[in-house]
mmCIF file of all heavy atoms, coordinates in Angstrom:
data_MODEL
# 
_entry.id   MODEL 
# 
loop_
_atom_site.group_PDB 
_atom_site.id 
_atom_site.type_symbol 
_atom_site.label_atom_id 
_atom_site.label_alt_id 
_atom_site.label_comp_id 
_atom_site.label_asym_id 
_atom_site.label_entity_id 
_atom_site.label_seq_id 
_atom_site.pdbx_PDB_ins_code 
_atom_site.Cartn_x 
_atom_site.Cartn_y 
_atom_site.Cartn_z 
_atom_site.occupancy 
_atom_site.B_iso_or_equiv 
_atom_site.pdbx_formal_charge 
_atom_site.auth_seq_id 
_atom_site.auth_comp_id 
_atom_site.auth_asym_id 
_atom_site.auth_atom_id 
_atom_site.pdbx_PDB_model_num 
ATOM 1   N N   . GLU A 1 1  ? -5.664  -10.903 -0.110  1.00 0.00 ? 1  GLU A N   1 
ATOM 2   C CA  . GLU A 1 1  ? -4.357  -11.524 -0.336  1.00 0.00 ? 1  GLU A CA  1 
ATOM 3   C C   . GLU A 1 1  ? -3.809  -12.124 0.961   1.00 0.00 ? 1  GLU A C   1 
ATOM 4   O O   . GLU A 1 1  ? -2.628  -12.003 1.277   1.00 0.00 ? 1  GLU A O   1 
ATOM 5   C CB  . GLU A 1 1  ? -3.368  -10.530 -0.954  1.00 0.00 ? 1  GLU A CB  1 
ATOM 6   C CG  . GLU A 1 1  ? -3.794  -10.073 -2.340  1.00 0.00 ? 1  GLU A CG  1 
ATOM 7   C CD  . GLU A 1 1  ? -2.840  -9.074  -2.980  1.00 0.00 ? 1  GLU A CD  1 
ATOM 8   O OE1 . GLU A 1 1  ? -1.972  -8.514  -2.269  1.00 0.00 ? 1  GLU A OE1 1 
ATOM 9   O OE2 . GLU A 1 1  ? -2.967  -8.852  -4.199  1.00 0.00 ? 1  GLU A OE2 1 
ATOM 10  N N   . GLY A 1 2  ? -4.724  -12.743 1.729   1.00 0.00 ? 2  GLY A N   1 
ATOM 11  C CA  . GLY A 1 2  ? -4.347  -13.450 2.938   1.00 0.00 ? 2  GLY A CA  1 
ATOM 12  C C   . GLY A 1 2  ? -4.082  -12.577 4.155   1.00 0.00 ? 2  GLY A C   1 
ATOM 13  O O   . GLY A 1 2  ? -3.644  -13.077 5.187   1.00 0.00 ? 2  GLY A O   1 
ATOM 14  N N   . LYS A 1 3  ? -4.333  -11.268 4.043   1.00 0.00 ? 3  LYS A N   1 
ATOM 15  C CA  . LYS A 1 3  ? -4.050  -10.360 5.150   1.00 0.00 ? 3  LYS A CA  1 
ATOM 16  C C   . LYS A 1 3  ? -5.271  -9.501  5.466   1.00 0.00 ? 3  LYS A C   1 
ATOM 17  O O   . LYS A 1 3  ? -6.094  -9.215  4.589   1.00 0.00 ? 3  LYS A O   1 
ATOM 18  C CB  . LYS A 1 3  ? -2.862  -9.466  4.799   1.00 0.00 ? 3  LYS A CB  1 
ATOM 19  C CG  . LYS A 1 3  ? -1.602  -10.289 4.593   1.00 0.00 ? 3  LYS A CG  1 
ATOM 20  C CD  . LYS A 1 3  ? -0.399  -9.456  4.402   1.00 0.00 ? 3  LYS A CD  1 
ATOM 21  C CE  . LYS A 1 3  ? 0.800   -10.407 4.251   1.00 0.00 ? 3  LYS A CE  1 
ATOM 22  N NZ  . LYS A 1 3  ? 1.995   -9.765  3.938   1.00 0.00 ? 3  LYS A NZ  1 
ATOM 23  N N   . PRO A 1 4  ? -5.396  -9.076  6.738   1.00 0.00 ? 4  PRO A N   1 
ATOM 24  C CA  . PRO A 1 4  ? -6.544  -8.241  7.127   1.00 0.00 ? 4  PRO A CA  1 
ATOM 25  C C   . PRO A 1 4  ? -6.540  -6.897  6.398   1.00 0.00 ? 4  PRO A C   1 
ATOM 26  O O   . PRO A 1 4  ? -5.488  -6.279  6.217   1.00 0.00 ? 4  PRO A O   1 
ATOM 27  C CB  . PRO A 1 4  ? -6.343  -8.019  8.632   1.00 0.00 ? 4  PRO A CB  1 
ATOM 28  C CG  . PRO A 1 4  ? -5.354  -9.045  9.066   1.00 0.00 ? 4  PRO A CG  1 
ATOM 29  C CD  . PRO A 1 4  ? -4.524  -9.370  7.871   1.00 0.00 ? 4  PRO A CD  1 
ATOM 30  N N   . TYR A 1 5  ? -7.728  -6.474  5.969   1.00 0.00 ? 5  TYR A N   1 
ATOM 31  C CA  . TYR A 1 5  ? -7.900  -5.202  5.273   1.00 0.00 ? 5  TYR A CA  1 
ATOM 32  C C   . TYR A 1 5  ? -9.117  -4.521  5.871   1.00 0.00 ? 5  TYR A C   1 
ATOM 33  O O   . TYR A 1 5  ? -10.140 -5.162  6.102   1.00 0.00 ? 5  TYR A O   1 
ATOM 34  C CB  . TYR A 1 5  ? -8.122  -5.437  3.774   1.00 0.00 ? 5  TYR A CB  1 
ATOM 35  C CG  . TYR A 1 5  ? -7.750  -4.267  2.898   1.00 0.00 ? 5  TYR A CG  1 
ATOM 36  C CD1 . TYR A 1 5  ? -6.702  -4.360  1.995   1.00 0.00 ? 5  TYR A CD1 1 
ATOM 37  C CD2 . TYR A 1 5  ? -8.456  -3.072  2.946   1.00 0.00 ? 5  TYR A CD2 1 
ATOM 38  C CE1 . TYR A 1 5  ? -6.361  -3.306  1.168   1.00 0.00 ? 5  TYR A CE1 1 
ATOM 39  C CE2 . TYR A 1 5  ? -8.114  -2.002  2.131   1.00 0.00 ? 5  TYR A CE2 1 
ATOM 40  C CZ  . TYR A 1 5  ? -7.066  -2.121  1.248   1.00 0.00 ? 5  TYR A CZ  1 
ATOM 41  O OH  . TYR A 1 5  ? -6.715  -1.076  0.435   1.00 0.00 ? 5  TYR A OH  1 
ATOM 42  N N   . GLN A 1 6  ? -8.999  -3.249  6.150   1.00 0.00 ? 6  GLN A N   1 
ATOM 43  C CA  . GLN A 1 6  ? -10.117 -2.488  6.710   1.00 0.00 ? 6  GLN A CA  1 
ATOM 44  C C   . GLN A 1 6  ? -10.298 -1.209  5.909   1.00 0.00 ? 6  GLN A C   1 
ATOM 45  O O   . GLN A 1 6  ? -9.321  -0.534  5.581   1.00 0.00 ? 6  GLN A O   1 
ATOM 46  C CB  . GLN A 1 6  ? -9.860  -2.164  8.183   1.00 0.00 ? 6  GLN A CB  1 
ATOM 47  C CG  . GLN A 1 6  ? -11.028 -1.492  8.864   1.00 0.00 ? 6  GLN A CG  1 
ATOM 48  C CD  . GLN A 1 6  ? -10.878 -1.483  10.380  1.00 0.00 ? 6  GLN A CD  1 
ATOM 49  O OE1 . GLN A 1 6  ? -10.051 -2.183  10.943  1.00 0.00 ? 6  GLN A OE1 1 
ATOM 50  N NE2 . GLN A 1 6  ? -11.705 -0.704  11.032  1.00 0.00 ? 6  GLN A NE2 1 
ATOM 51  N N   . GLN A 1 7  ? -11.574 -0.890  5.602   1.00 0.00 ? 7  GLN A N   1 
ATOM 52  C CA  . GLN A 1 7  ? -11.917 0.321   4.857   1.00 0.00 ? 7  GLN A CA  1 
ATOM 53  C C   . GLN A 1 7  ? -13.032 1.053   5.580   1.00 0.00 ? 7  GLN A C   1 
ATOM 54  O O   . GLN A 1 7  ? -13.887 0.440   6.209   1.00 0.00 ? 7  GLN A O   1 
ATOM 55  C CB  . GLN A 1 7  ? -12.479 -0.006  3.471   1.00 0.00 ? 7  GLN A CB  1 
ATOM 56  C CG  . GLN A 1 7  ? -11.561 -0.648  2.514   1.00 0.00 ? 7  GLN A CG  1 
ATOM 57  C CD  . GLN A 1 7  ? -12.278 -0.970  1.202   1.00 0.00 ? 7  GLN A CD  1 
ATOM 58  O OE1 . GLN A 1 7  ? -13.377 -1.502  1.197   1.00 0.00 ? 7  GLN A OE1 1 
ATOM 59  N NE2 . GLN A 1 7  ? -11.643 -0.642  0.107   1.00 0.00 ? 7  GLN A NE2 1 
ATOM 60  N N   . VAL A 1 8  ? -13.039 2.357   5.403   1.00 0.00 ? 8  VAL A N   1 
ATOM 61  C CA  . VAL A 1 8  ? -14.207 3.166   5.715   1.00 0.00 ? 8  VAL A CA  1 
ATOM 62  C C   . VAL A 1 8  ? -14.687 3.678   4.360   1.00 0.00 ? 8  VAL A C   1 
ATOM 63  O O   . VAL A 1 8  ? -13.924 4.317   3.626   1.00 0.00 ? 8  VAL A O   1 
ATOM 64  C CB  . VAL A 1 8  ? -13.870 4.335   6.661   1.00 0.00 ? 8  VAL A CB  1 
ATOM 65  C CG1 . VAL A 1 8  ? -15.092 5.223   6.868   1.00 0.00 ? 8  VAL A CG1 1 
ATOM 66  C CG2 . VAL A 1 8  ? -13.356 3.799   7.993   1.00 0.00 ? 8  VAL A CG2 1 
ATOM 67  N N   . ILE A 1 9  ? -15.939 3.339   4.004   1.00 0.00 ? 9  ILE A N   1 
ATOM 68  C CA  . ILE A 1 9  ? -16.472 3.659   2.675   1.00 0.00 ? 9  ILE A CA  1 
ATOM 69  C C   . ILE A 1 9  ? -17.608 4.663   2.811   1.00 0.00 ? 9  ILE A C   1 
ATOM 70  O O   . ILE A 1 9  ? -18.572 4.431   3.550   1.00 0.00 ? 9  ILE A O   1 
ATOM 71  C CB  . ILE A 1 9  ? -16.994 2.399   1.971   1.00 0.00 ? 9  ILE A CB  1 
ATOM 72  C CG1 . ILE A 1 9  ? -15.925 1.310   1.920   1.00 0.00 ? 9  ILE A CG1 1 
ATOM 73  C CG2 . ILE A 1 9  ? -17.490 2.753   0.563   1.00 0.00 ? 9  ILE A CG2 1 
ATOM 74  C CD1 . ILE A 1 9  ? -16.454 -0.033  1.435   1.00 0.00 ? 9  ILE A CD1 1 
ATOM 75  N N   . PHE A 1 10 ? -17.517 5.762   2.080   1.00 0.00 ? 10 PHE A N   1 
ATOM 76  C CA  . PHE A 1 10 ? -18.592 6.748   1.989   1.00 0.00 ? 10 PHE A CA  1 
ATOM 77  C C   . PHE A 1 10 ? -19.340 6.483   0.683   1.00 0.00 ? 10 PHE A C   1 
ATOM 78  O O   . PHE A 1 10 ? -18.728 6.504   -0.385  1.00 0.00 ? 10 PHE A O   1 
ATOM 79  C CB  . PHE A 1 10 ? -18.023 8.170   1.982   1.00 0.00 ? 10 PHE A CB  1 
ATOM 80  C CG  . PHE A 1 10 ? -17.342 8.555   3.264   1.00 0.00 ? 10 PHE A CG  1 
ATOM 81  C CD1 . PHE A 1 10 ? -15.993 8.282   3.460   1.00 0.00 ? 10 PHE A CD1 1 
ATOM 82  C CD2 . PHE A 1 10 ? -18.058 9.182   4.268   1.00 0.00 ? 10 PHE A CD2 1 
ATOM 83  C CE1 . PHE A 1 10 ? -15.361 8.639   4.650   1.00 0.00 ? 10 PHE A CE1 1 
ATOM 84  C CE2 . PHE A 1 10 ? -17.435 9.535   5.460   1.00 0.00 ? 10 PHE A CE2 1 
ATOM 85  C CZ  . PHE A 1 10 ? -16.087 9.262   5.647   1.00 0.00 ? 10 PHE A CZ  1 
ATOM 86  N N   . VAL A 1 11 ? -20.653 6.231   0.784   1.00 0.00 ? 11 VAL A N   1 
ATOM 87  C CA  . VAL A 1 11 ? -21.465 5.925   -0.391  1.00 0.00 ? 11 VAL A CA  1 
ATOM 88  C C   . VAL A 1 11 ? -22.448 7.074   -0.626  1.00 0.00 ? 11 VAL A C   1 
ATOM 89  O O   . VAL A 1 11 ? -23.276 7.378   0.233   1.00 0.00 ? 11 VAL A O   1 
ATOM 90  C CB  . VAL A 1 11 ? -22.255 4.611   -0.215  1.00 0.00 ? 11 VAL A CB  1 
ATOM 91  C CG1 . VAL A 1 11 ? -23.013 4.274   -1.500  1.00 0.00 ? 11 VAL A CG1 1 
ATOM 92  C CG2 . VAL A 1 11 ? -21.335 3.465   0.189   1.00 0.00 ? 11 VAL A CG2 1 
ATOM 93  N N   . TYR A 1 12 ? -22.354 7.703   -1.793  1.00 0.00 ? 12 TYR A N   1 
ATOM 94  C CA  . TYR A 1 12 ? -23.204 8.841   -2.146  1.00 0.00 ? 12 TYR A CA  1 
ATOM 95  C C   . TYR A 1 12 ? -24.144 8.488   -3.283  1.00 0.00 ? 12 TYR A C   1 
ATOM 96  O O   . TYR A 1 12 ? -23.834 7.629   -4.114  1.00 0.00 ? 12 TYR A O   1 
ATOM 97  C CB  . TYR A 1 12 ? -22.344 10.023  -2.617  1.00 0.00 ? 12 TYR A CB  1 
ATOM 98  C CG  . TYR A 1 12 ? -21.556 10.687  -1.535  1.00 0.00 ? 12 TYR A CG  1 
ATOM 99  C CD1 . TYR A 1 12 ? -20.237 10.314  -1.265  1.00 0.00 ? 12 TYR A CD1 1 
ATOM 100 C CD2 . TYR A 1 12 ? -22.116 11.712  -0.777  1.00 0.00 ? 12 TYR A CD2 1 
ATOM 101 C CE1 . TYR A 1 12 ? -19.502 10.937  -0.280  1.00 0.00 ? 12 TYR A CE1 1 
ATOM 102 C CE2 . TYR A 1 12 ? -21.387 12.340  0.220   1.00 0.00 ? 12 TYR A CE2 1 
ATOM 103 C CZ  . TYR A 1 12 ? -20.076 11.950  0.461   1.00 0.00 ? 12 TYR A CZ  1 
ATOM 104 O OH  . TYR A 1 12 ? -19.348 12.567  1.448   1.00 0.00 ? 12 TYR A OH  1 
ATOM 105 N N   . GLU A 1 13 ? -25.271 9.200   -3.361  1.00 0.00 ? 13 GLU A N   1 
ATOM 106 C CA  . GLU A 1 13 ? -26.052 9.162   -4.586  1.00 0.00 ? 13 GLU A CA  1 
ATOM 107 C C   . GLU A 1 13 ? -25.397 10.167  -5.522  1.00 0.00 ? 13 GLU A C   1 
ATOM 108 O O   . GLU A 1 13 ? -24.916 11.213  -5.089  1.00 0.00 ? 13 GLU A O   1 
ATOM 109 C CB  . GLU A 1 13 ? -27.522 9.494   -4.341  1.00 0.00 ? 13 GLU A CB  1 
ATOM 110 C CG  . GLU A 1 13 ? -27.789 10.891  -3.846  1.00 0.00 ? 13 GLU A CG  1 
ATOM 111 C CD  . GLU A 1 13 ? -29.264 11.199  -3.660  1.00 0.00 ? 13 GLU A CD  1 
ATOM 112 O OE1 . GLU A 1 13 ? -30.105 10.541  -4.295  1.00 0.00 ? 13 GLU A OE1 1 
ATOM 113 O OE2 . GLU A 1 13 ? -29.566 12.094  -2.863  1.00 0.00 ? 13 GLU A OE2 1 
ATOM 114 N N   . VAL A 1 14 ? -25.311 9.804   -6.793  1.00 0.00 ? 14 VAL A N   1 
ATOM 115 C CA  . VAL A 1 14 ? -24.734 10.707  -7.782  1.00 0.00 ? 14 VAL A CA  1 
ATOM 116 C C   . VAL A 1 14 ? -25.685 10.836  -8.961  1.00 0.00 ? 14 VAL A C   1 
ATOM 117 O O   . VAL A 1 14 ? -26.533 9.973   -9.198  1.00 0.00 ? 14 VAL A O   1 
ATOM 118 C CB  . VAL A 1 14 ? -23.327 10.241  -8.257  1.00 0.00 ? 14 VAL A CB  1 
ATOM 119 C CG1 . VAL A 1 14 ? -22.334 10.266  -7.110  1.00 0.00 ? 14 VAL A CG1 1 
ATOM 120 C CG2 . VAL A 1 14 ? -23.367 8.890   -8.903  1.00 0.00 ? 14 VAL A CG2 1 
ATOM 121 N N   . PHE A 1 15 ? -25.548 11.949  -9.688  1.00 0.00 ? 15 PHE A N   1 
ATOM 122 C CA  . PHE A 1 15 ? -26.431 12.253  -10.807 1.00 0.00 ? 15 PHE A CA  1 
ATOM 123 C C   . PHE A 1 15 ? -25.610 12.625  -12.033 1.00 0.00 ? 15 PHE A C   1 
ATOM 124 O O   . PHE A 1 15 ? -24.540 13.208  -11.917 1.00 0.00 ? 15 PHE A O   1 
ATOM 125 C CB  . PHE A 1 15 ? -27.341 13.433  -10.455 1.00 0.00 ? 15 PHE A CB  1 
ATOM 126 C CG  . PHE A 1 15 ? -28.120 13.212  -9.194  1.00 0.00 ? 15 PHE A CG  1 
ATOM 127 C CD1 . PHE A 1 15 ? -27.672 13.721  -7.987  1.00 0.00 ? 15 PHE A CD1 1 
ATOM 128 C CD2 . PHE A 1 15 ? -29.292 12.480  -9.212  1.00 0.00 ? 15 PHE A CD2 1 
ATOM 129 C CE1 . PHE A 1 15 ? -28.378 13.517  -6.812  1.00 0.00 ? 15 PHE A CE1 1 
ATOM 130 C CE2 . PHE A 1 15 ? -30.010 12.264  -8.042  1.00 0.00 ? 15 PHE A CE2 1 
ATOM 131 C CZ  . PHE A 1 15 ? -29.552 12.782  -6.843  1.00 0.00 ? 15 PHE A CZ  1 
ATOM 132 N N   . ALA A 1 16 ? -26.134 12.275  -13.191 1.00 0.00 ? 16 ALA A N   1 
ATOM 133 C CA  . ALA A 1 16 ? -25.520 12.652  -14.463 1.00 0.00 ? 16 ALA A CA  1 
ATOM 134 C C   . ALA A 1 16 ? -26.657 12.958  -15.424 1.00 0.00 ? 16 ALA A C   1 
ATOM 135 O O   . ALA A 1 16 ? -27.826 12.755  -15.109 1.00 0.00 ? 16 ALA A O   1 
ATOM 136 C CB  . ALA A 1 16 ? -24.639 11.521  -14.986 1.00 0.00 ? 16 ALA A CB  1 
ATOM 137 N N   . SER A 1 17 ? -26.315 13.430  -16.614 1.00 0.00 ? 17 SER A N   1 
ATOM 138 C CA  . SER A 1 17 ? -27.349 13.711  -17.600 1.00 0.00 ? 17 SER A CA  1 
ATOM 139 C C   . SER A 1 17 ? -28.060 12.417  -17.991 1.00 0.00 ? 17 SER A C   1 
ATOM 140 O O   . SER A 1 17 ? -27.546 11.325  -17.786 1.00 0.00 ? 17 SER A O   1 
ATOM 141 C CB  . SER A 1 17 ? -26.735 14.372  -18.835 1.00 0.00 ? 17 SER A CB  1 
ATOM 142 O OG  . SER A 1 17 ? -25.773 13.517  -19.414 1.00 0.00 ? 17 SER A OG  1 
ATOM 143 N N   . ASP A 1 18 ? -29.256 12.518  -18.540 1.00 0.00 ? 18 ASP A N   1 
ATOM 144 C CA  . ASP A 1 18 ? -30.048 11.346  -18.918 1.00 0.00 ? 18 ASP A CA  1 
ATOM 145 C C   . ASP A 1 18 ? -29.317 10.447  -19.909 1.00 0.00 ? 18 ASP A C   1 
ATOM 146 O O   . ASP A 1 18 ? -28.572 10.917  -20.761 1.00 0.00 ? 18 ASP A O   1 
ATOM 147 C CB  . ASP A 1 18 ? -31.381 11.773  -19.539 1.00 0.00 ? 18 ASP A CB  1 
ATOM 148 C CG  . ASP A 1 18 ? -32.312 12.392  -18.512 1.00 0.00 ? 18 ASP A CG  1 
ATOM 149 O OD1 . ASP A 1 18 ? -32.131 12.120  -17.307 1.00 0.00 ? 18 ASP A OD1 1 
ATOM 150 O OD2 . ASP A 1 18 ? -33.210 13.144  -18.918 1.00 0.00 ? 18 ASP A OD2 1 
ATOM 151 N N   . ASN A 1 19 ? -29.559 9.151   -19.757 1.00 0.00 ? 19 ASN A N   1 
ATOM 152 C CA  . ASN A 1 19 ? -29.041 8.137   -20.671 1.00 0.00 ? 19 ASN A CA  1 
ATOM 153 C C   . ASN A 1 19 ? -27.540 8.248   -20.921 1.00 0.00 ? 19 ASN A C   1 
ATOM 154 O O   . ASN A 1 19 ? -27.086 8.298   -22.049 1.00 0.00 ? 19 ASN A O   1 
ATOM 155 C CB  . ASN A 1 19 ? -29.796 8.178   -22.004 1.00 0.00 ? 19 ASN A CB  1 
ATOM 156 C CG  . ASN A 1 19 ? -31.261 7.859   -21.813 1.00 0.00 ? 19 ASN A CG  1 
ATOM 157 O OD1 . ASN A 1 19 ? -31.620 6.971   -21.055 1.00 0.00 ? 19 ASN A OD1 1 
ATOM 158 N ND2 . ASN A 1 19 ? -32.120 8.615   -22.475 1.00 0.00 ? 19 ASN A ND2 1 
ATOM 159 N N   . VAL A 1 20 ? -26.797 8.298   -19.849 1.00 0.00 ? 20 VAL A N   1 
ATOM 160 C CA  . VAL A 1 20 ? -25.346 8.378   -19.983 1.00 0.00 ? 20 VAL A CA  1 
ATOM 161 C C   . VAL A 1 20 ? -24.776 7.037   -20.417 1.00 0.00 ? 20 VAL A C   1 
ATOM 162 O O   . VAL A 1 20 ? -25.278 5.984   -20.060 1.00 0.00 ? 20 VAL A O   1 
ATOM 163 C CB  . VAL A 1 20 ? -24.672 8.815   -18.662 1.00 0.00 ? 20 VAL A CB  1 
ATOM 164 C CG1 . VAL A 1 20 ? -25.055 10.222  -18.311 1.00 0.00 ? 20 VAL A CG1 1 
ATOM 165 C CG2 . VAL A 1 20 ? -24.995 7.870   -17.526 1.00 0.00 ? 20 VAL A CG2 1 
ATOM 166 N N   . GLN A 1 21 ? -23.746 7.095   -21.196 1.00 0.00 ? 21 GLN A N   1 
ATOM 167 C CA  . GLN A 1 21 ? -23.026 5.904   -21.628 1.00 0.00 ? 21 GLN A CA  1 
ATOM 168 C C   . GLN A 1 21 ? -21.596 6.030   -21.132 1.00 0.00 ? 21 GLN A C   1 
ATOM 169 O O   . GLN A 1 21 ? -20.904 6.973   -21.488 1.00 0.00 ? 21 GLN A O   1 
ATOM 170 C CB  . GLN A 1 21 ? -23.041 5.774   -23.154 1.00 0.00 ? 21 GLN A CB  1 
ATOM 171 C CG  . GLN A 1 21 ? -24.415 5.543   -23.723 1.00 0.00 ? 21 GLN A CG  1 
ATOM 172 C CD  . GLN A 1 21 ? -25.064 4.277   -23.187 1.00 0.00 ? 21 GLN A CD  1 
ATOM 173 O OE1 . GLN A 1 21 ? -24.411 3.252   -23.038 1.00 0.00 ? 21 GLN A OE1 1 
ATOM 174 N NE2 . GLN A 1 21 ? -26.348 4.347   -22.873 1.00 0.00 ? 21 GLN A NE2 1 
ATOM 175 N N   . PRO A 1 22 ? -21.175 5.097   -20.298 1.00 0.00 ? 22 PRO A N   1 
ATOM 176 C CA  . PRO A 1 22 ? -19.800 5.193   -19.805 1.00 0.00 ? 22 PRO A CA  1 
ATOM 177 C C   . PRO A 1 22 ? -18.794 5.053   -20.934 1.00 0.00 ? 22 PRO A C   1 
ATOM 178 O O   . PRO A 1 22 ? -18.980 4.266   -21.855 1.00 0.00 ? 22 PRO A O   1 
ATOM 179 C CB  . PRO A 1 22 ? -19.679 4.036   -18.824 1.00 0.00 ? 22 PRO A CB  1 
ATOM 180 C CG  . PRO A 1 22 ? -20.922 3.240   -18.914 1.00 0.00 ? 22 PRO A CG  1 
ATOM 181 C CD  . PRO A 1 22 ? -21.893 3.957   -19.788 1.00 0.00 ? 22 PRO A CD  1 
ATOM 182 N N   . ASN A 1 23 ? -17.760 5.866   -20.863 1.00 0.00 ? 23 ASN A N   1 
ATOM 183 C CA  . ASN A 1 23 ? -16.649 5.763   -21.804 1.00 0.00 ? 23 ASN A CA  1 
ATOM 184 C C   . ASN A 1 23 ? -15.681 4.737   -21.270 1.00 0.00 ? 23 ASN A C   1 
ATOM 185 O O   . ASN A 1 23 ? -15.764 4.310   -20.138 1.00 0.00 ? 23 ASN A O   1 
ATOM 186 C CB  . ASN A 1 23 ? -15.930 7.116   -21.934 1.00 0.00 ? 23 ASN A CB  1 
ATOM 187 C CG  . ASN A 1 23 ? -16.824 8.177   -22.514 1.00 0.00 ? 23 ASN A CG  1 
ATOM 188 O OD1 . ASN A 1 23 ? -17.700 7.884   -23.316 1.00 0.00 ? 23 ASN A OD1 1 
ATOM 189 N ND2 . ASN A 1 23 ? -16.611 9.404   -22.103 1.00 0.00 ? 23 ASN A ND2 1 
ATOM 190 N N   . ARG A 1 24 ? -14.754 4.382   -22.080 1.00 0.00 ? 24 ARG A N   1 
ATOM 191 C CA  . ARG A 1 24 ? -13.721 3.467   -21.624 1.00 0.00 ? 24 ARG A CA  1 
ATOM 192 C C   . ARG A 1 24 ? -12.836 4.226   -20.654 1.00 0.00 ? 24 ARG A C   1 
ATOM 193 O O   . ARG A 1 24 ? -12.106 5.112   -21.037 1.00 0.00 ? 24 ARG A O   1 
ATOM 194 C CB  . ARG A 1 24 ? -12.887 2.999   -22.817 1.00 0.00 ? 24 ARG A CB  1 
ATOM 195 C CG  . ARG A 1 24 ? -12.102 1.772   -22.509 1.00 0.00 ? 24 ARG A CG  1 
ATOM 196 C CD  . ARG A 1 24 ? -12.844 0.622   -23.150 1.00 0.00 ? 24 ARG A CD  1 
ATOM 197 N NE  . ARG A 1 24 ? -12.198 -0.641  -23.080 1.00 0.00 ? 24 ARG A NE  1 
ATOM 198 C CZ  . ARG A 1 24 ? -12.747 -1.641  -22.416 1.00 0.00 ? 24 ARG A CZ  1 
ATOM 199 N NH1 . ARG A 1 24 ? -13.826 -1.462  -21.710 1.00 0.00 ? 24 ARG A NH1 1 
ATOM 200 N NH2 . ARG A 1 24 ? -12.205 -2.821  -22.456 1.00 0.00 ? 24 ARG A NH2 1 
ATOM 201 N N   . GLY A 1 25 ? -12.926 3.894   -19.397 1.00 0.00 ? 25 GLY A N   1 
ATOM 202 C CA  . GLY A 1 25 ? -12.097 4.519   -18.377 1.00 0.00 ? 25 GLY A CA  1 
ATOM 203 C C   . GLY A 1 25 ? -11.003 3.566   -17.941 1.00 0.00 ? 25 GLY A C   1 
ATOM 204 O O   . GLY A 1 25 ? -10.552 2.725   -18.712 1.00 0.00 ? 25 GLY A O   1 
ATOM 205 N N   . GLU A 1 26 ? -10.618 3.675   -16.688 1.00 0.00 ? 26 GLU A N   1 
ATOM 206 C CA  . GLU A 1 26 ? -9.541  2.850   -16.151 1.00 0.00 ? 26 GLU A CA  1 
ATOM 207 C C   . GLU A 1 26 ? -9.973  1.429   -15.821 1.00 0.00 ? 26 GLU A C   1 
ATOM 208 O O   . GLU A 1 26 ? -9.137  0.558   -15.654 1.00 0.00 ? 26 GLU A O   1 
ATOM 209 C CB  . GLU A 1 26 ? -8.977  3.497   -14.877 1.00 0.00 ? 26 GLU A CB  1 
ATOM 210 C CG  . GLU A 1 26 ? -8.285  4.813   -15.114 1.00 0.00 ? 26 GLU A CG  1 
ATOM 211 C CD  . GLU A 1 26 ? -7.747  5.425   -13.833 1.00 0.00 ? 26 GLU A CD  1 
ATOM 212 O OE1 . GLU A 1 26 ? -8.046  4.924   -12.738 1.00 0.00 ? 26 GLU A OE1 1 
ATOM 213 O OE2 . GLU A 1 26 ? -7.014  6.412   -13.945 1.00 0.00 ? 26 GLU A OE2 1 
ATOM 214 N N   . VAL A 1 27 ? -11.282 1.201   -15.671 1.00 0.00 ? 27 VAL A N   1 
ATOM 215 C CA  . VAL A 1 27 ? -11.785 -0.112  -15.261 1.00 0.00 ? 27 VAL A CA  1 
ATOM 216 C C   . VAL A 1 27 ? -12.948 -0.528  -16.163 1.00 0.00 ? 27 VAL A C   1 
ATOM 217 O O   . VAL A 1 27 ? -13.482 0.270   -16.910 1.00 0.00 ? 27 VAL A O   1 
ATOM 218 C CB  . VAL A 1 27 ? -12.254 -0.099  -13.779 1.00 0.00 ? 27 VAL A CB  1 
ATOM 219 C CG1 . VAL A 1 27 ? -11.106 0.213   -12.848 1.00 0.00 ? 27 VAL A CG1 1 
ATOM 220 C CG2 . VAL A 1 27 ? -13.380 0.886   -13.576 1.00 0.00 ? 27 VAL A CG2 1 
# 
């Protein structure tokens, strides 16, 4: 939005049960 933005991002591997189907969440 025209202004400087800085993030520190931690990226993990994650696990769930086989063949998961995402539900309707917030996004």
